């Protein structure tokens, strides 16, 4: 699996990349159909202190791409929620796939 990181209005961080890689590797071991992951980190000015750090993850898999987005007060929480959403989507997709 190939993982690409993009940062918008955020400084690149090895800690964020390592945390994301760990989470995505666990997903990959569970679902080998993942070809590539694109991870986007961005900040947004919001009126709430509990949002603004956004993590978008787009997975390339056979068929339509899967996408999840989360906004929290820190990137770690956003990453965790995005990966959790993707795991649900992958479980659903795997159940629909037919083996021939």
Protein backbone atom coordinates (compact mmCIF):
# COMPACT_ATOMS: atom_id res chain seq x y z
CA UNK A 1 0.00 0.00 0.00
CA UNK A 2 1.24 3.43 -0.94
CA UNK A 3 0.52 6.36 1.44
CA UNK A 4 0.67 10.00 0.30
CA UNK A 5 0.49 12.94 2.72
CA UNK A 6 -0.59 16.49 1.90
CA UNK A 7 -0.61 19.45 4.26
CA UNK A 8 -2.72 22.59 3.83
CA UNK A 9 -1.89 25.45 6.24
CA UNK A 10 -0.16 22.90 8.48
CA UNK A 11 3.52 22.14 9.01
CA UNK A 12 4.61 18.62 8.10
CA UNK A 13 4.91 16.36 11.14
CA UNK A 14 6.68 13.02 11.43
CA UNK A 15 4.61 12.18 14.52
CA UNK A 16 1.33 12.60 12.61
CA UNK A 17 2.64 10.60 9.67
CA UNK A 18 3.82 7.74 11.92
CA UNK A 19 0.51 7.61 13.79
CA UNK A 20 -1.43 7.59 10.52
CA UNK A 21 0.83 4.92 8.99
CA UNK A 22 0.33 2.69 12.04
CA UNK A 23 -3.45 3.01 11.81
CA UNK A 24 -3.54 2.47 8.03
CA UNK A 25 -1.17 -0.52 8.22
CA UNK A 26 -3.57 -2.19 10.65
CA UNK A 27 -6.40 -1.57 8.17
CA UNK A 28 -4.28 -2.97 5.34
CA UNK A 29 -3.56 -6.18 7.26
CA UNK A 30 -7.28 -6.61 7.77
CA UNK A 31 -8.29 -5.58 4.22
CA UNK A 32 -5.60 -6.37 1.62
CA UNK A 33 -7.69 -4.82 -1.16
CA UNK A 34 -6.37 -1.31 -0.30
CA UNK A 35 -4.09 -0.05 -3.06
CA UNK A 36 -3.30 3.52 -1.98
CA UNK A 37 -4.17 6.02 0.72
CA UNK A 38 -4.16 9.81 0.34
CA UNK A 39 -4.12 11.67 3.65
CA UNK A 40 -4.85 15.40 3.87
CA UNK A 41 -4.25 17.51 6.97
CA UNK A 42 -5.67 21.02 7.13
CA UNK A 43 -6.70 23.63 9.64
CA UNK A 44 -9.82 25.72 9.52
CA UNK A 45 -10.93 28.69 11.58
CA UNK A 46 -14.08 27.71 13.41
CA UNK A 47 -16.15 29.27 16.15
CA UNK A 48 -15.80 26.14 18.28
CA UNK A 49 -12.62 25.18 20.13
CA UNK A 50 -13.44 21.49 19.66
CA UNK A 51 -13.07 21.54 15.85
CA UNK A 52 -10.73 22.95 13.25
CA UNK A 53 -8.03 20.29 12.87
CA UNK A 54 -9.24 18.31 9.87
CA UNK A 55 -8.01 14.95 8.60
CA UNK A 56 -9.30 13.62 5.26
CA UNK A 57 -8.37 10.12 4.14
CA UNK A 58 -9.15 8.77 0.67
CA UNK A 59 -8.56 5.07 -0.02
CA UNK A 60 -8.14 3.60 -3.47
CA UNK A 61 -9.72 0.17 -3.57
CA UNK A 62 -11.33 -1.86 -6.37
CA UNK A 63 -14.49 -0.01 -7.33
CA UNK A 64 -15.34 3.46 -6.04
CA UNK A 65 -12.87 5.19 -3.74
CA UNK A 66 -13.65 5.41 -0.05
CA UNK A 67 -13.45 8.71 1.80
CA UNK A 68 -13.67 9.83 5.42
CA UNK A 69 -13.28 13.22 7.06
CA UNK A 70 -13.15 14.28 10.69
CA UNK A 71 -12.64 17.59 12.48
CA UNK A 72 -11.57 17.75 16.12
CA UNK A 73 -9.47 19.87 18.44
CA UNK A 74 -6.34 17.82 17.59
CA UNK A 75 -5.18 15.82 14.59
CA UNK A 76 -4.81 12.53 16.49
CA UNK A 77 -8.53 12.45 17.29
CA UNK A 78 -9.35 13.38 13.69
CA UNK A 79 -7.12 10.58 12.37
CA UNK A 80 -8.67 8.03 14.73
CA UNK A 81 -12.23 8.95 13.73
CA UNK A 82 -11.41 8.94 10.00
CA UNK A 83 -9.78 5.51 10.21
CA UNK A 84 -12.71 4.18 12.23
CA UNK A 85 -15.15 5.44 9.58
CA UNK A 86 -13.07 3.84 6.83
CA UNK A 87 -12.98 0.53 8.68
CA UNK A 88 -16.80 0.51 8.76
CA UNK A 89 -16.93 1.31 5.03
CA UNK A 90 -14.38 -1.42 4.22
CA UNK A 91 -16.27 -4.00 6.27
CA UNK A 92 -19.45 -3.15 4.38
CA UNK A 93 -17.64 -3.25 1.03
CA UNK A 94 -15.97 -6.58 1.81
CA UNK A 95 -19.37 -8.07 2.66
CA UNK A 96 -20.70 -7.03 -0.75
CA UNK A 97 -17.73 -8.34 -2.73
CA UNK A 98 -18.19 -11.72 -4.38
CA UNK A 99 -15.43 -14.25 -4.77
CA UNK A 100 -15.43 -16.31 -7.94
